[in-house]
């Protein structure tokens, strides 16, 4: 039978920690999973240098290396990895209905279950200088990379809850945190503003934007900032710059089809990975706007595979 007509047990959309872990569990359960990787094979961690907070790696590991190992482990148990991008999913609406997954290469799959692990993408400023130093001092995750700047000066760009959370976290381990706020006020919630105000080593710089980054060998050493009212420029000697203007879940193709919040994060049932559609599960950052860690995404991938296995079992007994 061709891929167009074969009815699959499960398809996993996305190839980060959630997707690969779901594949490992699904493959070991003889669900013969197929992963459709998406454009960024391996997900956000492929843009990260050292990962030191994932259990089992006492000496740390690079993000790309970890993703390669997870992929090999998934393949070892029989997962098929398709480097392709999903363009549309036609969800069945009732228990036992099949789901149709279409890809940019023209392939079409029929499957009993779908595990969505498309993740979320950190929002960046979109500046060329920012891209040049990504992985060399520019980051979008304080809890992932803050450790590397212990005792050093850093910048946090943003004025919302994400920025306030990142700044207060970094203030515990860094010498000084310069918080660049584009407006003349914080957009963060009142409680987060109070935490920022009470943290003595956070320096709030209102009406201030990041103009440029300087450094050698793609390692940050200075941030050039500008007052957007007076146009006055300042040079900040810093080692790290954290862009904290939010994340965008990769759920565009699911809008109007799956329940999600106003920012696009998929809704899942409590203590479960089930979405509002029977046989469709969501794992990792695509449904998690709170923790956004590789380890929590991997755990959710495990849960999604177990939920999918249980769903398939219930199909056999009905």
C-alpha atoms as a PDB file:
ATOM      1  CA  UNK A   1       0.000   0.000   0.000  1.00  0.00           C
ATOM      2  CA  UNK A   2       1.233   3.509  -0.724  1.00  0.00           C
ATOM      3  CA  UNK A   3       1.642   6.275   1.852  1.00  0.00           C
ATOM      4  CA  UNK A   4      -1.477   7.875   0.405  1.00  0.00           C
ATOM      5  CA  UNK A   5      -3.709   4.930   1.229  1.00  0.00           C
ATOM      6  CA  UNK A   6      -2.042   3.324   4.241  1.00  0.00           C
ATOM      7  CA  UNK A   7      -3.847   4.104   7.495  1.00  0.00           C
ATOM      8  CA  UNK A   8      -1.264   4.967  10.122  1.00  0.00           C
ATOM      9  CA  UNK A   9      -1.468   4.542  13.870  1.00  0.00           C
ATOM     10  CA  UNK A  10       0.044   7.924  14.633  1.00  0.00           C
ATOM     11  CA  UNK A  11       1.727  10.901  13.025  1.00  0.00           C
ATOM     12  CA  UNK A  12       3.886  13.273  15.047  1.00  0.00           C
ATOM     13  CA  UNK A  13       4.116  16.830  13.744  1.00  0.00           C
ATOM     14  CA  UNK A  14       7.327  18.467  14.944  1.00  0.00           C
ATOM     15  CA  UNK A  15      10.824  17.307  15.808  1.00  0.00           C
ATOM     16  CA  UNK A  16      11.902  18.954  19.055  1.00  0.00           C
ATOM     17  CA  UNK A  17      12.233  17.211  22.434  1.00  0.00           C
ATOM     18  CA  UNK A  18       8.456  16.686  22.621  1.00  0.00           C
ATOM     19  CA  UNK A  19       8.205  15.176  19.134  1.00  0.00           C
ATOM     20  CA  UNK A  20      11.210  12.884  19.440  1.00  0.00           C
ATOM     21  CA  UNK A  21      10.249  11.664  22.919  1.00  0.00           C
ATOM     22  CA  UNK A  22       6.706  10.966  21.738  1.00  0.00           C
ATOM     23  CA  UNK A  23       8.233   8.992  18.864  1.00  0.00           C
ATOM     24  CA  UNK A  24      10.454   6.934  21.177  1.00  0.00           C
ATOM     25  CA  UNK A  25       7.491   5.909  23.325  1.00  0.00           C
ATOM     26  CA  UNK A  26       5.160   5.383  20.365  1.00  0.00           C
ATOM     27  CA  UNK A  27       7.702   3.284  18.494  1.00  0.00           C
ATOM     28  CA  UNK A  28       8.369   1.090  21.530  1.00  0.00           C
ATOM     29  CA  UNK A  29       4.600   0.584  21.765  1.00  0.00           C
ATOM     30  CA  UNK A  30       4.666  -0.653  18.141  1.00  0.00           C
ATOM     31  CA  UNK A  31       2.575   2.276  16.896  1.00  0.00           C
ATOM     32  CA  UNK A  32       4.942   2.713  13.919  1.00  0.00           C
ATOM     33  CA  UNK A  33       5.098   6.509  14.210  1.00  0.00           C
ATOM     34  CA  UNK A  34       6.043   8.890  11.450  1.00  0.00           C
ATOM     35  CA  UNK A  35       7.586  12.242  12.378  1.00  0.00           C
ATOM     36  CA  UNK A  36       7.117  15.133   9.984  1.00  0.00           C
ATOM     37  CA  UNK A  37       9.948  17.378  11.076  1.00  0.00           C
ATOM     38  CA  UNK A  38       8.931  20.826   9.887  1.00  0.00           C
ATOM     39  CA  UNK A  39      11.342  23.443   8.556  1.00  0.00           C
ATOM     40  CA  UNK A  40      13.492  23.599  11.697  1.00  0.00           C
ATOM     41  CA  UNK A  41      14.563  19.996  12.172  1.00  0.00           C
ATOM     42  CA  UNK A  42      15.192  19.518  15.878  1.00  0.00           C
ATOM     43  CA  UNK A  43      13.278  22.624  16.928  1.00  0.00           C
ATOM     44  CA  UNK A  44      14.461  25.585  19.011  1.00  0.00           C
ATOM     45  CA  UNK A  45      17.307  23.679  20.666  1.00  0.00           C
ATOM     46  CA  UNK A  46      19.190  23.554  17.379  1.00  0.00           C
ATOM     47  CA  UNK A  47      19.836  27.292  17.834  1.00  0.00           C
ATOM     48  CA  UNK A  48      21.185  26.779  21.378  1.00  0.00           C
ATOM     49  CA  UNK A  49      24.839  26.233  22.160  1.00  0.00           C
ATOM     50  CA  UNK A  50      25.372  24.559  25.555  1.00  0.00           C
ATOM     51  CA  UNK A  51      22.544  22.732  27.313  1.00  0.00           C
ATOM     52  CA  UNK A  52      23.531  22.086  30.935  1.00  0.00           C
ATOM     53  CA  UNK A  53      20.176  21.611  32.662  1.00  0.00           C
ATOM     54  CA  UNK A  54      18.911  18.477  30.897  1.00  0.00           C
ATOM     55  CA  UNK A  55      19.261  15.435  33.203  1.00  0.00           C
ATOM     56  CA  UNK A  56      21.862  12.882  32.209  1.00  0.00           C
ATOM     57  CA  UNK A  57      24.457  15.266  30.782  1.00  0.00           C
ATOM     58  CA  UNK A  58      26.757  16.254  33.676  1.00  0.00           C
ATOM     59  CA  UNK A  59      29.235  17.865  31.272  1.00  0.00           C
ATOM     60  CA  UNK A  60      26.551  19.554  29.193  1.00  0.00           C
ATOM     61  CA  UNK A  61      25.751  19.011  25.541  1.00  0.00           C
ATOM     62  CA  UNK A  62      25.071  21.250  22.580  1.00  0.00           C
ATOM     63  CA  UNK A  63      21.472  21.648  21.456  1.00  0.00           C
ATOM     64  CA  UNK A  64      22.086  20.257  17.945  1.00  0.00           C
ATOM     65  CA  UNK A  65      23.977  17.265  19.361  1.00  0.00           C
ATOM     66  CA  UNK A  66      21.157  16.467  21.778  1.00  0.00           C
ATOM     67  CA  UNK A  67      18.589  16.602  18.989  1.00  0.00           C
ATOM     68  CA  UNK A  68      20.718  14.313  16.832  1.00  0.00           C
ATOM     69  CA  UNK A  69      20.887  11.785  19.670  1.00  0.00           C
ATOM     70  CA  UNK A  70      17.136  11.958  20.258  1.00  0.00           C
ATOM     71  CA  UNK A  71      16.517  11.425  16.558  1.00  0.00           C
ATOM     72  CA  UNK A  72      18.804   8.376  16.502  1.00  0.00           C
ATOM     73  CA  UNK A  73      17.051   6.949  19.537  1.00  0.00           C
ATOM     74  CA  UNK A  74      13.644   7.419  17.915  1.00  0.00           C
ATOM     75  CA  UNK A  75      14.872   5.789  14.701  1.00  0.00           C
ATOM     76  CA  UNK A  76      16.431   2.906  16.643  1.00  0.00           C
ATOM     77  CA  UNK A  77      12.967   1.777  17.713  1.00  0.00           C
ATOM     78  CA  UNK A  78      11.444   2.128  14.260  1.00  0.00           C
ATOM     79  CA  UNK A  79      10.332   5.741  13.878  1.00  0.00           C
ATOM     80  CA  UNK A  80      10.230   7.027  10.309  1.00  0.00           C
ATOM     81  CA  UNK A  81      11.627  10.566  10.029  1.00  0.00           C
ATOM     82  CA  UNK A  82      10.279  12.588   7.112  1.00  0.00           C
ATOM     83  CA  UNK A  83      11.951  15.935   6.508  1.00  0.00           C
ATOM     84  CA  UNK A  84       8.862  17.694   5.289  1.00  0.00           C
ATOM     85  CA  UNK A  85       6.443  20.415   6.381  1.00  0.00           C
ATOM     86  CA  UNK A  86       2.748  20.023   7.153  1.00  0.00           C
ATOM     87  CA  UNK A  87       0.563  22.464   5.240  1.00  0.00           C
ATOM     88  CA  UNK A  88      -2.883  21.315   6.342  1.00  0.00           C
ATOM     89  CA  UNK A  89      -4.578  18.887   8.694  1.00  0.00           C
ATOM     90  CA  UNK A  90      -8.180  17.804   8.200  1.00  0.00           C
ATOM     91  CA  UNK A  91      -9.349  16.586  11.576  1.00  0.00           C
ATOM     92  CA  UNK A  92     -12.097  14.063  12.018  1.00  0.00           C
ATOM     93  CA  UNK A  93     -14.592  15.319  14.565  1.00  0.00           C
ATOM     94  CA  UNK A  94     -15.803  12.172  16.279  1.00  0.00           C
ATOM     95  CA  UNK A  95     -14.316   9.276  18.215  1.00  0.00           C
ATOM     96  CA  UNK A  96     -12.699   6.875  15.765  1.00  0.00           C
ATOM     97  CA  UNK A  97     -12.623   9.281  12.805  1.00  0.00           C
ATOM     98  CA  UNK A  98      -9.468   9.373  10.717  1.00  0.00           C
ATOM     99  CA  UNK A  99      -7.363  12.517  10.340  1.00  0.00           C
ATOM    100  CA  UNK A 100      -5.741  13.631   7.084  1.00  0.00           C
ATOM    101  CA  UNK A 101      -2.301  15.257   7.120  1.00  0.00           C
ATOM    102  CA  UNK A 102      -1.029  17.031   4.004  1.00  0.00           C
ATOM    103  CA  UNK A 103       2.549  18.214   3.428  1.00  0.00           C
ATOM    104  CA  UNK A 104       4.356  20.713   1.249  1.00  0.00           C
ATOM    105  CA  UNK A 105       5.923  17.875  -0.772  1.00  0.00           C
ATOM    106  CA  UNK A 106       2.459  16.742  -1.860  1.00  0.00           C
ATOM    107  CA  UNK A 107       2.176  13.726   0.423  1.00  0.00           C
ATOM    108  CA  UNK A 108      -1.088  12.906   2.153  1.00  0.00           C
ATOM    109  CA  UNK A 109      -1.438  10.648   5.187  1.00  0.00           C
ATOM    110  CA  UNK A 110      -4.445   9.076   6.864  1.00  0.00           C
ATOM    111  CA  UNK A 111      -3.918   8.466  10.553  1.00  0.00           C
ATOM    112  CA  UNK A 112      -5.871   7.382  13.611  1.00  0.00           C
ATOM    113  CA  UNK A 113      -4.002   9.740  15.951  1.00  0.00           C
ATOM    114  CA  UNK A 114      -2.018  12.951  15.641  1.00  0.00           C
ATOM    115  CA  UNK A 115       0.522  14.266  18.142  1.00  0.00           C
ATOM    116  CA  UNK A 116       1.184  17.964  17.653  1.00  0.00           C
ATOM    117  CA  UNK A 117       4.646  19.013  18.821  1.00  0.00           C
ATOM    118  CA  UNK A 118       5.233  22.063  16.635  1.00  0.00           C
ATOM    119  CA  UNK A 119       6.595  24.126  19.510  1.00  0.00           C
ATOM    120  CA  UNK A 120       6.751  27.879  19.821  1.00  0.00           C
ATOM    121  CA  UNK A 121       9.180  30.380  18.368  1.00  0.00           C
ATOM    122  CA  UNK A 122      10.742  33.133  20.440  1.00  0.00           C
ATOM    123  CA  UNK A 123      10.037  36.569  19.064  1.00  0.00           C
ATOM    124  CA  UNK A 124      13.152  38.501  18.102  1.00  0.00           C
ATOM    125  CA  UNK A 125      13.633  42.116  17.068  1.00  0.00           C
ATOM    126  CA  UNK A 126      14.451  41.117  13.516  1.00  0.00           C
ATOM    127  CA  UNK A 127      17.704  43.079  13.383  1.00  0.00           C
ATOM    128  CA  UNK A 128      20.759  41.845  11.512  1.00  0.00           C
ATOM    129  CA  UNK A 129      23.107  42.572  14.432  1.00  0.00           C
ATOM    130  CA  UNK A 130      20.889  40.421  16.621  1.00  0.00           C
ATOM    131  CA  UNK A 131      21.254  37.422  14.284  1.00  0.00           C
ATOM    132  CA  UNK A 132      25.041  37.796  14.195  1.00  0.00           C
ATOM    133  CA  UNK A 133      25.364  37.250  17.946  1.00  0.00           C
ATOM    134  CA  UNK A 134      22.691  34.606  18.461  1.00  0.00           C
ATOM    135  CA  UNK A 135      24.353  31.827  20.409  1.00  0.00           C
ATOM    136  CA  UNK A 136      27.220  34.164  21.290  1.00  0.00           C
ATOM    137  CA  UNK A 137      25.465  36.259  23.880  1.00  0.00           C
ATOM    138  CA  UNK A 138      22.030  36.868  22.388  1.00  0.00           C
ATOM    139  CA  UNK A 139      19.338  34.591  23.795  1.00  0.00           C
ATOM    140  CA  UNK A 140      15.574  34.435  24.249  1.00  0.00           C
ATOM    141  CA  UNK A 141      15.570  32.152  27.287  1.00  0.00           C
ATOM    142  CA  UNK A 142      16.964  33.251  30.642  1.00  0.00           C
ATOM    143  CA  UNK A 143      16.283  29.940  32.371  1.00  0.00           C
ATOM    144  CA  UNK A 144      18.102  28.134  29.539  1.00  0.00           C
ATOM    145  CA  UNK A 145      21.157  30.369  29.237  1.00  0.00           C
ATOM    146  CA  UNK A 146      21.264  32.625  32.301  1.00  0.00           C
ATOM    147  CA  UNK A 147      23.733  30.361  34.103  1.00  0.00           C
ATOM    148  CA  UNK A 148      26.469  31.320  31.645  1.00  0.00           C
ATOM    149  CA  UNK A 149      26.271  34.950  32.805  1.00  0.00           C
ATOM    150  CA  UNK A 150      26.596  34.395  36.529  1.00  0.00           C
ATOM    151  CA  UNK A 151      28.143  37.479  38.118  1.00  0.00           C
ATOM    152  CA  UNK A 152      28.112  39.390  34.825  1.00  0.00           C
ATOM    153  CA  UNK A 153      26.137  42.307  33.412  1.00  0.00           C
ATOM    154  CA  UNK A 154      23.292  41.578  31.012  1.00  0.00           C
ATOM    155  CA  UNK A 155      20.531  43.357  29.108  1.00  0.00           C
ATOM    156  CA  UNK A 156      16.874  42.345  28.939  1.00  0.00           C
ATOM    157  CA  UNK A 157      14.848  43.828  26.084  1.00  0.00           C
ATOM    158  CA  UNK A 158      11.126  44.197  26.715  1.00  0.00           C
ATOM    159  CA  UNK A 159       8.564  45.657  29.075  1.00  0.00           C
ATOM    160  CA  UNK A 160       5.906  42.970  29.449  1.00  0.00           C
ATOM    161  CA  UNK A 161       5.492  40.008  31.771  1.00  0.00           C
ATOM    162  CA  UNK A 162       8.024  37.927  29.822  1.00  0.00           C
ATOM    163  CA  UNK A 163      10.696  40.607  30.231  1.00  0.00           C
ATOM    164  CA  UNK A 164       9.867  41.157  33.901  1.00  0.00           C
ATOM    165  CA  UNK A 165      10.102  37.421  34.594  1.00  0.00           C
ATOM    166  CA  UNK A 166      13.399  37.112  32.720  1.00  0.00           C
ATOM    167  CA  UNK A 167      14.867  40.165  34.450  1.00  0.00           C
ATOM    168  CA  UNK A 168      13.955  39.050  37.973  1.00  0.00           C
ATOM    169  CA  UNK A 169      15.293  35.565  37.280  1.00  0.00           C
ATOM    170  CA  UNK A 170      18.579  36.914  35.915  1.00  0.00           C
ATOM    171  CA  UNK A 171      18.922  39.391  38.783  1.00  0.00           C
ATOM    172  CA  UNK A 172      19.407  36.444  41.149  1.00  0.00           C
ATOM    173  CA  UNK A 173      22.555  35.306  39.365  1.00  0.00           C
ATOM    174  CA  UNK A 174      23.846  38.326  37.439  1.00  0.00           C
ATOM    175  CA  UNK A 175      25.623  41.439  38.717  1.00  0.00           C
ATOM    176  CA  UNK A 176      23.430  44.006  36.950  1.00  0.00           C
ATOM    177  CA  UNK A 177      20.407  43.609  34.693  1.00  0.00           C
ATOM    178  CA  UNK A 178      19.688  46.542  32.377  1.00  0.00           C
ATOM    179  CA  UNK A 179      16.025  46.376  31.341  1.00  0.00           C
ATOM    180  CA  UNK A 180      15.348  48.239  28.088  1.00  0.00           C
ATOM    181  CA  UNK A 181      11.721  49.381  27.906  1.00  0.00           C
ATOM    182  CA  UNK A 182      10.573  50.976  24.645  1.00  0.00           C
ATOM    183  CA  UNK A 183       7.724  52.885  26.282  1.00  0.00           C
ATOM    184  CA  UNK A 184       7.798  55.165  29.334  1.00  0.00           C
ATOM    185  CA  UNK A 185       6.031  52.502  31.376  1.00  0.00           C
ATOM    186  CA  UNK A 186       6.028  48.733  31.948  1.00  0.00           C
ATOM    187  CA  UNK A 187       3.305  46.688  30.295  1.00  0.00           C
ATOM    188  CA  UNK A 188       3.862  43.887  32.789  1.00  0.00           C
ATOM    189  CA  UNK A 189       1.197  42.952  35.329  1.00  0.00           C
ATOM    190  CA  UNK A 190       1.166  44.872  38.591  1.00  0.00           C
ATOM    191  CA  UNK A 191       2.681  42.053  40.621  1.00  0.00           C
ATOM    192  CA  UNK A 192       5.547  41.653  38.142  1.00  0.00           C
ATOM    193  CA  UNK A 193       6.174  45.414  38.152  1.00  0.00           C
ATOM    194  CA  UNK A 194       6.411  45.306  41.933  1.00  0.00           C
ATOM    195  CA  UNK A 195       8.955  42.481  41.759  1.00  0.00           C
ATOM    196  CA  UNK A 196      11.062  44.451  39.306  1.00  0.00           C
ATOM    197  CA  UNK A 197      10.855  47.588  41.462  1.00  0.00           C
ATOM    198  CA  UNK A 198      11.937  45.655  44.556  1.00  0.00           C
ATOM    199  CA  UNK A 199      14.961  44.104  42.822  1.00  0.00           C
ATOM    200  CA  UNK A 200      17.846  46.460  43.449  1.00  0.00           C
ATOM    201  CA  UNK A 201      20.177  45.252  40.703  1.00  0.00           C
ATOM    202  CA  UNK A 202      17.636  45.732  37.903  1.00  0.00           C
ATOM    203  CA  UNK A 203      18.227  49.062  36.169  1.00  0.00           C
ATOM    204  CA  UNK A 204      15.095  50.209  34.334  1.00  0.00           C
ATOM    205  CA  UNK A 205      15.800  52.260  31.210  1.00  0.00           C
ATOM    206  CA  UNK A 206      12.553  53.691  29.846  1.00  0.00           C
ATOM    207  CA  UNK A 207      12.115  55.016  26.277  1.00  0.00           C
ATOM    208  CA  UNK A 208      15.204  52.995  25.416  1.00  0.00           C
ATOM    209  CA  UNK A 209      15.857  50.649  22.517  1.00  0.00           C
ATOM    210  CA  UNK A 210      18.680  48.362  21.472  1.00  0.00           C
ATOM    211  CA  UNK A 211      20.436  50.002  18.516  1.00  0.00           C
ATOM    212  CA  UNK A 212      23.448  47.742  17.975  1.00  0.00           C
ATOM    213  CA  UNK A 213      25.655  45.069  19.504  1.00  0.00           C
ATOM    214  CA  UNK A 214      29.445  45.045  19.569  1.00  0.00           C
ATOM    215  CA  UNK A 215      31.857  42.226  20.289  1.00  0.00           C
ATOM    216  CA  UNK A 216      34.629  40.056  18.913  1.00  0.00           C
ATOM    217  CA  UNK A 217      34.412  36.553  17.478  1.00  0.00           C
ATOM    218  CA  UNK A 218      30.592  36.764  17.623  1.00  0.00           C
ATOM    219  CA  UNK A 219      30.691  37.155  21.417  1.00  0.00           C
ATOM    220  CA  UNK A 220      28.773  40.072  22.919  1.00  0.00           C
ATOM    221  CA  UNK A 221      30.786  42.676  24.841  1.00  0.00           C
ATOM    222  CA  UNK A 222      28.699  45.852  24.438  1.00  0.00           C
ATOM    223  CA  UNK A 223      25.130  46.929  23.824  1.00  0.00           C
ATOM    224  CA  UNK A 224      24.558  50.242  22.065  1.00  0.00           C
ATOM    225  CA  UNK A 225      21.267  51.684  23.281  1.00  0.00           C
ATOM    226  CA  UNK A 226      19.393  54.814  22.292  1.00  0.00           C
ATOM    227  CA  UNK A 227      16.818  56.985  24.042  1.00  0.00           C
ATOM    228  CA  UNK A 228      13.981  57.148  21.509  1.00  0.00           C
ATOM    229  CA  UNK A 229      12.939  60.583  22.808  1.00  0.00           C
ATOM    230  CA  UNK A 230      16.245  62.457  23.108  1.00  0.00           C
ATOM    231  CA  UNK A 231      18.169  60.261  20.601  1.00  0.00           C
ATOM    232  CA  UNK A 232      21.008  60.082  23.123  1.00  0.00           C
ATOM    233  CA  UNK A 233      23.114  56.941  22.781  1.00  0.00           C
ATOM    234  CA  UNK A 234      24.787  54.977  25.553  1.00  0.00           C
ATOM    235  CA  UNK A 235      27.227  52.082  25.603  1.00  0.00           C
ATOM    236  CA  UNK A 236      26.565  49.312  28.112  1.00  0.00           C
ATOM    237  CA  UNK A 237      29.357  46.856  28.873  1.00  0.00           C
ATOM    238  CA  UNK A 238      27.485  43.552  28.993  1.00  0.00           C
ATOM    239  CA  UNK A 239      28.114  39.908  28.156  1.00  0.00           C
ATOM    240  CA  UNK A 240      24.561  38.797  27.472  1.00  0.00           C
ATOM    241  CA  UNK A 241      21.468  40.224  25.798  1.00  0.00           C
ATOM    242  CA  UNK A 242      18.115  38.557  26.395  1.00  0.00           C
ATOM    243  CA  UNK A 243      15.308  39.363  23.976  1.00  0.00           C
ATOM    244  CA  UNK A 244      12.129  39.015  26.022  1.00  0.00           C
ATOM    245  CA  UNK A 245       9.274  40.197  23.855  1.00  0.00           C
ATOM    246  CA  UNK A 246       7.321  36.963  23.996  1.00  0.00           C
ATOM    247  CA  UNK A 247       6.853  33.696  22.135  1.00  0.00           C
ATOM    248  CA  UNK A 248       4.603  32.736  19.275  1.00  0.00           C
ATOM    249  CA  UNK A 249       3.257  29.171  19.239  1.00  0.00           C
ATOM    250  CA  UNK A 250       3.491  27.499  15.849  1.00  0.00           C
ATOM    251  CA  UNK A 251      -0.225  26.872  15.477  1.00  0.00           C
ATOM    252  CA  UNK A 252      -1.225  28.909  12.418  1.00  0.00           C
ATOM    253  CA  UNK A 253      -2.422  25.872  10.476  1.00  0.00           C
ATOM    254  CA  UNK A 254      -4.636  24.789  13.370  1.00  0.00           C
ATOM    255  CA  UNK A 255      -6.552  28.047  13.798  1.00  0.00           C
ATOM    256  CA  UNK A 256     -10.289  27.515  13.596  1.00  0.00           C
ATOM    257  CA  UNK A 257      -9.763  23.758  13.945  1.00  0.00           C
ATOM    258  CA  UNK A 258      -8.425  23.267  17.467  1.00  0.00           C
ATOM    259  CA  UNK A 259      -9.241  25.157  20.644  1.00  0.00           C
ATOM    260  CA  UNK A 260      -6.522  27.636  21.579  1.00  0.00           C
ATOM    261  CA  UNK A 261      -6.102  30.786  23.634  1.00  0.00           C
ATOM    262  CA  UNK A 262      -5.915  34.313  22.266  1.00  0.00           C
ATOM    263  CA  UNK A 263      -2.178  34.035  21.670  1.00  0.00           C
ATOM    264  CA  UNK A 264      -2.391  30.674  19.872  1.00  0.00           C
ATOM    265  CA  UNK A 265      -1.376  28.172  22.557  1.00  0.00           C
ATOM    266  CA  UNK A 266      -3.381  24.964  22.194  1.00  0.00           C
ATOM    267  CA  UNK A 267      -5.831  24.068  24.945  1.00  0.00           C
ATOM    268  CA  UNK A 268      -5.368  20.617  26.457  1.00  0.00           C
ATOM    269  CA  UNK A 269      -7.438  18.866  29.088  1.00  0.00           C
ATOM    270  CA  UNK A 270      -6.095  18.938  32.681  1.00  0.00           C
ATOM    271  CA  UNK A 271      -3.583  16.178  33.512  1.00  0.00           C
ATOM    272  CA  UNK A 272      -3.641  15.118  29.869  1.00  0.00           C
ATOM    273  CA  UNK A 273      -2.380  16.039  26.411  1.00  0.00           C
ATOM    274  CA  UNK A 274      -5.824  15.672  24.809  1.00  0.00           C
ATOM    275  CA  UNK A 275      -7.098  18.507  22.642  1.00  0.00           C
ATOM    276  CA  UNK A 276     -10.789  19.103  21.904  1.00  0.00           C
ATOM    277  CA  UNK A 277     -10.609  16.659  18.955  1.00  0.00           C
ATOM    278  CA  UNK A 278     -10.658  12.908  19.735  1.00  0.00           C
ATOM    279  CA  UNK A 279      -7.374  11.272  18.795  1.00  0.00           C
ATOM    280  CA  UNK A 280      -5.441  14.557  18.605  1.00  0.00           C
ATOM    281  CA  UNK A 281      -2.857  15.371  21.273  1.00  0.00           C
ATOM    282  CA  UNK A 282      -0.546  18.319  21.907  1.00  0.00           C
ATOM    283  CA  UNK A 283       2.831  18.244  23.660  1.00  0.00           C
ATOM    284  CA  UNK A 284       5.555  20.716  24.510  1.00  0.00           C
ATOM    285  CA  UNK A 285       5.769  24.455  23.942  1.00  0.00           C
ATOM    286  CA  UNK A 286       2.823  24.426  21.542  1.00  0.00           C
ATOM    287  CA  UNK A 287       0.596  24.018  24.606  1.00  0.00           C
ATOM    288  CA  UNK A 288       2.909  25.219  27.377  1.00  0.00           C
ATOM    289  CA  UNK A 289       3.442  28.953  27.775  1.00  0.00           C
ATOM    290  CA  UNK A 290       4.598  28.690  31.376  1.00  0.00           C
ATOM    291  CA  UNK A 291       7.636  26.405  31.593  1.00  0.00           C
ATOM    292  CA  UNK A 292       8.981  26.164  28.013  1.00  0.00           C
ATOM    293  CA  UNK A 293      11.868  23.840  28.920  1.00  0.00           C
ATOM    294  CA  UNK A 294      13.351  20.948  26.969  1.00  0.00           C
ATOM    295  CA  UNK A 295      12.773  18.574  29.875  1.00  0.00           C
ATOM    296  CA  UNK A 296       9.104  19.531  30.326  1.00  0.00           C
ATOM    297  CA  UNK A 297       8.567  19.245  26.569  1.00  0.00           C
ATOM    298  CA  UNK A 298      10.123  15.771  26.594  1.00  0.00           C
ATOM    299  CA  UNK A 299       7.891  14.762  29.503  1.00  0.00           C
ATOM    300  CA  UNK A 300       4.831  16.013  27.660  1.00  0.00           C
ATOM    301  CA  UNK A 301       5.918  14.044  24.584  1.00  0.00           C
ATOM    302  CA  UNK A 302       5.961  10.900  26.704  1.00  0.00           C
ATOM    303  CA  UNK A 303       2.474  11.713  27.999  1.00  0.00           C
ATOM    304  CA  UNK A 304       1.148  12.334  24.493  1.00  0.00           C
ATOM    305  CA  UNK A 305       2.409   8.971  23.241  1.00  0.00           C
ATOM    306  CA  UNK A 306       0.852   7.183  26.219  1.00  0.00           C
ATOM    307  CA  UNK A 307      -2.428   9.073  25.680  1.00  0.00           C
ATOM    308  CA  UNK A 308      -2.391   8.156  21.991  1.00  0.00           C
ATOM    309  CA  UNK A 309      -1.670   4.498  22.813  1.00  0.00           C
ATOM    310  CA  UNK A 310      -4.598   4.446  25.238  1.00  0.00           C
ATOM    311  CA  UNK A 311      -6.859   6.024  22.609  1.00  0.00           C
ATOM    312  CA  UNK A 312      -5.866   3.416  20.019  1.00  0.00           C
ATOM    313  CA  UNK A 313      -6.538   0.670  22.535  1.00  0.00           C
ATOM    314  CA  UNK A 314     -10.008   2.083  23.188  1.00  0.00           C
ATOM    315  CA  UNK A 315     -10.694   2.001  19.436  1.00  0.00           C
ATOM    316  CA  UNK A 316      -9.965  -1.742  19.390  1.00  0.00           C
ATOM    317  CA  UNK A 317     -12.442  -2.381  22.187  1.00  0.00           C
ATOM    318  CA  UNK A 318     -15.306  -0.475  20.619  1.00  0.00           C
END
